[in-house]
N, C-alpha and C. Protein backbone atom coordinates (compact mmCIF):
# COMPACT_ATOMS: atom_id res chain seq x y z
N MET A 1 0.85 -1.17 0.00
CA MET A 1 0.00 0.00 0.00
C MET A 1 0.90 1.23 0.00
N ASP A 2 0.97 1.90 -1.11
CA ASP A 2 1.86 3.03 -1.27
C ASP A 2 1.31 4.33 -0.72
N SER A 3 0.02 4.42 -0.51
CA SER A 3 -0.57 5.69 -0.11
C SER A 3 -0.84 5.80 1.39
N LEU A 4 -0.16 5.03 2.19
CA LEU A 4 -0.35 5.10 3.63
C LEU A 4 0.35 6.31 4.22
N PRO A 5 -0.21 6.90 5.26
CA PRO A 5 0.51 7.95 5.97
C PRO A 5 1.81 7.38 6.54
N ALA A 6 2.84 8.21 6.61
CA ALA A 6 4.17 7.75 7.02
C ALA A 6 4.17 7.08 8.39
N THR A 7 3.39 7.61 9.33
CA THR A 7 3.37 7.05 10.68
C THR A 7 2.84 5.62 10.68
N ILE A 8 1.75 5.40 9.98
CA ILE A 8 1.16 4.06 9.91
C ILE A 8 2.08 3.12 9.15
N ALA A 9 2.63 3.59 8.04
CA ALA A 9 3.53 2.76 7.24
C ALA A 9 4.73 2.31 8.06
N ARG A 10 5.27 3.20 8.87
CA ARG A 10 6.43 2.86 9.71
C ARG A 10 6.09 1.76 10.71
N VAL A 11 4.94 1.85 11.32
CA VAL A 11 4.53 0.84 12.30
C VAL A 11 4.29 -0.50 11.61
N LEU A 12 3.57 -0.48 10.51
CA LEU A 12 3.27 -1.73 9.81
C LEU A 12 4.51 -2.39 9.22
N GLU A 13 5.49 -1.61 8.81
CA GLU A 13 6.71 -2.16 8.21
C GLU A 13 7.46 -3.07 9.17
N ALA A 14 7.29 -2.88 10.46
CA ALA A 14 7.95 -3.75 11.43
C ALA A 14 7.47 -5.19 11.29
N PHE A 15 6.26 -5.39 10.77
CA PHE A 15 5.69 -6.72 10.63
C PHE A 15 5.93 -7.34 9.25
N ALA A 16 6.42 -6.59 8.32
CA ALA A 16 6.61 -7.06 6.94
C ALA A 16 7.47 -8.32 6.83
N PRO A 17 8.55 -8.47 7.61
CA PRO A 17 9.37 -9.68 7.46
C PRO A 17 8.65 -10.98 7.81
N LEU A 18 7.52 -10.90 8.47
CA LEU A 18 6.78 -12.10 8.85
C LEU A 18 6.02 -12.73 7.69
N TYR A 19 5.86 -11.99 6.61
CA TYR A 19 5.01 -12.42 5.50
C TYR A 19 5.79 -12.42 4.20
N SER A 20 5.32 -13.23 3.26
CA SER A 20 5.86 -13.14 1.91
C SER A 20 5.33 -11.84 1.29
N PRO A 21 6.01 -11.28 0.29
CA PRO A 21 5.55 -10.02 -0.30
C PRO A 21 4.09 -10.06 -0.80
N ARG A 22 3.69 -11.17 -1.36
CA ARG A 22 2.32 -11.28 -1.88
C ARG A 22 1.30 -11.24 -0.74
N ILE A 23 1.57 -11.99 0.32
CA ILE A 23 0.66 -12.04 1.46
C ILE A 23 0.70 -10.74 2.25
N TRP A 24 1.86 -10.09 2.28
CA TRP A 24 2.01 -8.84 3.03
C TRP A 24 1.04 -7.78 2.53
N LYS A 25 0.82 -7.70 1.24
CA LYS A 25 -0.14 -6.73 0.70
C LYS A 25 -1.55 -6.98 1.24
N ARG A 26 -1.94 -8.25 1.28
CA ARG A 26 -3.27 -8.59 1.79
C ARG A 26 -3.35 -8.36 3.29
N ALA A 27 -2.29 -8.68 4.00
CA ALA A 27 -2.28 -8.49 5.46
C ALA A 27 -2.43 -7.02 5.81
N GLN A 28 -1.79 -6.13 5.07
CA GLN A 28 -1.93 -4.70 5.31
C GLN A 28 -3.37 -4.24 5.13
N VAL A 29 -4.00 -4.72 4.09
CA VAL A 29 -5.40 -4.37 3.84
C VAL A 29 -6.27 -4.84 5.00
N LEU A 30 -6.03 -6.05 5.49
CA LEU A 30 -6.83 -6.58 6.59
C LEU A 30 -6.61 -5.79 7.88
N VAL A 31 -5.37 -5.42 8.17
CA VAL A 31 -5.08 -4.65 9.38
C VAL A 31 -5.77 -3.30 9.32
N LEU A 32 -5.61 -2.61 8.22
CA LEU A 32 -6.23 -1.29 8.09
C LEU A 32 -7.75 -1.38 8.10
N GLY A 33 -8.28 -2.38 7.43
CA GLY A 33 -9.73 -2.58 7.44
C GLY A 33 -10.26 -2.88 8.83
N ALA A 34 -9.52 -3.67 9.61
CA ALA A 34 -9.92 -3.97 10.98
C ALA A 34 -9.89 -2.71 11.85
N LEU A 35 -8.90 -1.87 11.64
CA LEU A 35 -8.81 -0.63 12.41
C LEU A 35 -9.96 0.33 12.08
N LEU A 36 -10.40 0.31 10.84
CA LEU A 36 -11.45 1.23 10.40
C LEU A 36 -12.86 0.68 10.56
N SER A 37 -12.99 -0.61 10.86
CA SER A 37 -14.30 -1.25 10.94
C SER A 37 -15.00 -0.92 12.25
N PRO A 38 -16.23 -0.44 12.15
CA PRO A 38 -17.01 -0.28 13.38
C PRO A 38 -17.60 -1.62 13.77
N GLY A 39 -17.74 -1.85 15.05
CA GLY A 39 -18.36 -3.09 15.51
C GLY A 39 -17.49 -4.31 15.32
N ARG A 40 -18.12 -5.39 14.92
CA ARG A 40 -17.44 -6.68 14.77
C ARG A 40 -16.37 -6.61 13.69
N ARG A 41 -15.20 -7.13 14.00
CA ARG A 41 -14.09 -7.07 13.06
C ARG A 41 -13.86 -8.45 12.46
N ALA A 42 -14.40 -8.66 11.29
CA ALA A 42 -14.21 -9.90 10.57
C ALA A 42 -13.52 -9.56 9.24
N VAL A 43 -12.99 -10.57 8.60
CA VAL A 43 -12.30 -10.36 7.32
C VAL A 43 -13.25 -9.71 6.32
N THR A 44 -14.46 -10.19 6.24
CA THR A 44 -15.43 -9.64 5.30
C THR A 44 -15.69 -8.17 5.57
N GLN A 45 -15.88 -7.82 6.84
CA GLN A 45 -16.13 -6.42 7.19
C GLN A 45 -14.91 -5.56 6.88
N ALA A 46 -13.72 -6.06 7.18
CA ALA A 46 -12.50 -5.31 6.90
C ALA A 46 -12.36 -5.02 5.41
N LEU A 47 -12.67 -5.99 4.59
CA LEU A 47 -12.58 -5.79 3.14
C LEU A 47 -13.64 -4.82 2.64
N ARG A 48 -14.83 -4.89 3.20
CA ARG A 48 -15.89 -3.95 2.81
C ARG A 48 -15.50 -2.51 3.13
N VAL A 49 -14.95 -2.30 4.33
CA VAL A 49 -14.54 -0.96 4.74
C VAL A 49 -13.46 -0.42 3.82
N MET A 50 -12.61 -1.30 3.32
CA MET A 50 -11.52 -0.89 2.44
C MET A 50 -11.99 -0.75 0.99
N GLY A 51 -13.29 -0.95 0.74
CA GLY A 51 -13.83 -0.80 -0.60
C GLY A 51 -13.56 -1.99 -1.50
N LEU A 52 -13.33 -3.15 -0.91
CA LEU A 52 -12.99 -4.33 -1.70
C LEU A 52 -14.06 -5.42 -1.65
N ALA A 53 -15.29 -5.04 -1.41
CA ALA A 53 -16.38 -6.01 -1.30
C ALA A 53 -16.56 -6.82 -2.58
N HIS A 54 -16.25 -6.22 -3.72
CA HIS A 54 -16.45 -6.91 -4.99
C HIS A 54 -15.12 -7.32 -5.62
N GLU A 55 -14.08 -7.37 -4.81
CA GLU A 55 -12.76 -7.76 -5.29
C GLU A 55 -12.81 -9.20 -5.82
N ARG A 56 -12.13 -9.43 -6.91
CA ARG A 56 -12.14 -10.75 -7.54
C ARG A 56 -11.50 -11.81 -6.65
N HIS A 57 -10.45 -11.44 -5.93
CA HIS A 57 -9.72 -12.40 -5.09
C HIS A 57 -10.13 -12.29 -3.62
N PHE A 58 -11.39 -11.97 -3.39
CA PHE A 58 -11.93 -11.80 -2.05
C PHE A 58 -11.64 -13.01 -1.15
N PRO A 59 -11.89 -14.24 -1.60
CA PRO A 59 -11.65 -15.41 -0.72
C PRO A 59 -10.18 -15.59 -0.33
N SER A 60 -9.26 -15.13 -1.15
CA SER A 60 -7.85 -15.32 -0.83
C SER A 60 -7.44 -14.53 0.41
N CYS A 61 -8.15 -13.46 0.71
CA CYS A 61 -7.86 -12.69 1.92
C CYS A 61 -8.24 -13.49 3.17
N HIS A 62 -9.28 -14.31 3.08
CA HIS A 62 -9.64 -15.16 4.21
C HIS A 62 -8.52 -16.17 4.49
N ARG A 63 -7.85 -16.61 3.45
CA ARG A 63 -6.79 -17.60 3.63
C ARG A 63 -5.55 -17.04 4.32
N VAL A 64 -5.40 -15.72 4.35
CA VAL A 64 -4.27 -15.11 5.08
C VAL A 64 -4.32 -15.56 6.53
N LEU A 65 -5.53 -15.67 7.09
CA LEU A 65 -5.67 -16.09 8.49
C LEU A 65 -5.89 -17.59 8.63
N SER A 66 -6.69 -18.18 7.76
CA SER A 66 -7.04 -19.59 7.94
C SER A 66 -5.89 -20.54 7.62
N ARG A 67 -5.00 -20.16 6.73
CA ARG A 67 -3.85 -21.00 6.39
C ARG A 67 -2.57 -20.31 6.85
N ALA A 68 -2.59 -19.87 8.06
CA ALA A 68 -1.49 -19.08 8.60
C ALA A 68 -0.16 -19.80 8.52
N ARG A 69 0.79 -19.19 7.83
CA ARG A 69 2.17 -19.67 7.82
C ARG A 69 3.06 -18.67 8.53
N TRP A 70 2.44 -17.63 9.04
CA TRP A 70 3.16 -16.64 9.82
C TRP A 70 2.98 -17.00 11.29
N SER A 71 3.85 -16.51 12.11
CA SER A 71 3.85 -16.88 13.52
C SER A 71 3.11 -15.84 14.37
N CYS A 72 2.08 -16.29 15.04
CA CYS A 72 1.33 -15.41 15.93
C CYS A 72 2.22 -14.94 17.08
N ARG A 73 3.07 -15.81 17.56
CA ARG A 73 3.98 -15.43 18.66
C ARG A 73 5.02 -14.42 18.21
N GLU A 74 5.54 -14.59 17.02
CA GLU A 74 6.51 -13.62 16.50
C GLU A 74 5.84 -12.27 16.27
N THR A 75 4.61 -12.30 15.80
CA THR A 75 3.84 -11.06 15.63
C THR A 75 3.65 -10.37 16.98
N GLY A 76 3.31 -11.14 17.99
CA GLY A 76 3.15 -10.59 19.33
C GLY A 76 4.44 -10.01 19.89
N ARG A 77 5.56 -10.67 19.60
CA ARG A 77 6.86 -10.18 20.06
C ARG A 77 7.18 -8.83 19.44
N ILE A 78 6.94 -8.71 18.15
CA ILE A 78 7.20 -7.44 17.47
C ILE A 78 6.28 -6.35 18.02
N LEU A 79 5.02 -6.69 18.22
CA LEU A 79 4.08 -5.72 18.78
C LEU A 79 4.51 -5.26 20.17
N LEU A 80 4.92 -6.20 21.00
CA LEU A 80 5.39 -5.84 22.35
C LEU A 80 6.60 -4.91 22.28
N LEU A 81 7.56 -5.21 21.41
CA LEU A 81 8.73 -4.34 21.27
C LEU A 81 8.34 -2.94 20.82
N LEU A 82 7.41 -2.85 19.89
CA LEU A 82 6.95 -1.52 19.45
C LEU A 82 6.28 -0.76 20.59
N LEU A 83 5.46 -1.44 21.36
CA LEU A 83 4.78 -0.79 22.48
C LEU A 83 5.77 -0.32 23.55
N VAL A 84 6.75 -1.14 23.85
CA VAL A 84 7.75 -0.76 24.85
C VAL A 84 8.54 0.44 24.37
N ARG A 85 8.99 0.40 23.12
CA ARG A 85 9.76 1.53 22.58
C ARG A 85 8.94 2.82 22.56
N THR A 86 7.66 2.69 22.31
CA THR A 86 6.81 3.87 22.20
C THR A 86 6.42 4.44 23.55
N PHE A 87 6.01 3.58 24.47
CA PHE A 87 5.43 4.06 25.72
C PHE A 87 6.36 3.98 26.93
N ALA A 88 7.41 3.23 26.83
CA ALA A 88 8.29 3.08 28.00
C ALA A 88 9.74 2.93 27.57
N ALA A 89 10.19 3.84 26.75
CA ALA A 89 11.57 3.76 26.26
C ALA A 89 12.58 3.85 27.41
N GLN A 90 12.23 4.55 28.46
CA GLN A 90 13.09 4.67 29.63
C GLN A 90 12.32 4.20 30.85
N GLY A 91 13.04 3.65 31.78
CA GLY A 91 12.41 3.30 33.04
C GLY A 91 11.98 1.86 33.13
N PRO A 92 11.64 1.45 34.31
CA PRO A 92 11.25 0.04 34.53
C PRO A 92 9.83 -0.23 34.04
N LEU A 93 9.60 -1.48 33.71
CA LEU A 93 8.28 -1.93 33.30
C LEU A 93 7.83 -3.05 34.23
N VAL A 94 6.56 -3.04 34.56
CA VAL A 94 5.97 -4.12 35.34
C VAL A 94 4.86 -4.71 34.49
N PHE A 95 4.92 -6.02 34.28
CA PHE A 95 3.94 -6.70 33.44
C PHE A 95 3.07 -7.63 34.26
N GLY A 96 1.81 -7.67 33.92
CA GLY A 96 0.89 -8.67 34.42
C GLY A 96 0.44 -9.48 33.22
N LEU A 97 0.67 -10.76 33.21
CA LEU A 97 0.36 -11.59 32.05
C LEU A 97 -0.79 -12.54 32.36
N ASP A 98 -1.62 -12.76 31.36
CA ASP A 98 -2.74 -13.67 31.47
C ASP A 98 -2.69 -14.61 30.28
N ASP A 99 -2.36 -15.86 30.52
CA ASP A 99 -2.22 -16.81 29.42
C ASP A 99 -3.50 -17.60 29.16
N THR A 100 -4.61 -17.22 29.74
CA THR A 100 -5.84 -17.99 29.57
C THR A 100 -6.42 -17.87 28.16
N ILE A 101 -6.01 -16.87 27.39
CA ILE A 101 -6.54 -16.76 26.03
C ILE A 101 -5.68 -17.54 25.02
N GLU A 102 -4.56 -18.07 25.48
CA GLU A 102 -3.68 -18.85 24.61
C GLU A 102 -4.37 -20.15 24.24
N ARG A 103 -4.35 -20.50 22.97
CA ARG A 103 -4.94 -21.76 22.55
C ARG A 103 -4.05 -22.91 22.99
N ARG A 104 -4.68 -23.97 23.45
CA ARG A 104 -3.92 -25.13 23.92
C ARG A 104 -4.62 -26.39 23.44
N TRP A 105 -3.80 -27.37 23.14
CA TRP A 105 -4.35 -28.64 22.68
C TRP A 105 -3.71 -29.78 23.48
N GLY A 106 -4.35 -30.90 23.48
CA GLY A 106 -3.79 -32.08 24.12
C GLY A 106 -4.73 -32.66 25.16
N ARG A 107 -4.49 -33.91 25.50
CA ARG A 107 -5.37 -34.60 26.45
C ARG A 107 -5.20 -34.10 27.87
N LYS A 108 -4.00 -33.65 28.23
CA LYS A 108 -3.75 -33.26 29.61
C LYS A 108 -3.98 -31.79 29.88
N ILE A 109 -4.35 -31.03 28.87
CA ILE A 109 -4.54 -29.59 29.06
C ILE A 109 -6.02 -29.31 29.16
């Protein structure tokens, strides 16, 4: 997306290495659409907000999430680093973590 404001482009560029160039274009559209969507944030709503409701490759955007080859944990790590640099570049940080939203599988979990 070449027409992004510089501030948004700088933040999103931190996540670019997680995706192939082809998927990165779709991921940017989904992120921006999710940010601009009122109410429920689904892939379909994000694409509608971005003016892509009649896009020919509409279903391929759903596959960005359903066939994830990118790492959710690596994405979270990058996001955490950006937040720390932005809001707490100096000084100590105290974290409270809640892992109950983490997906878990297996018989013993």
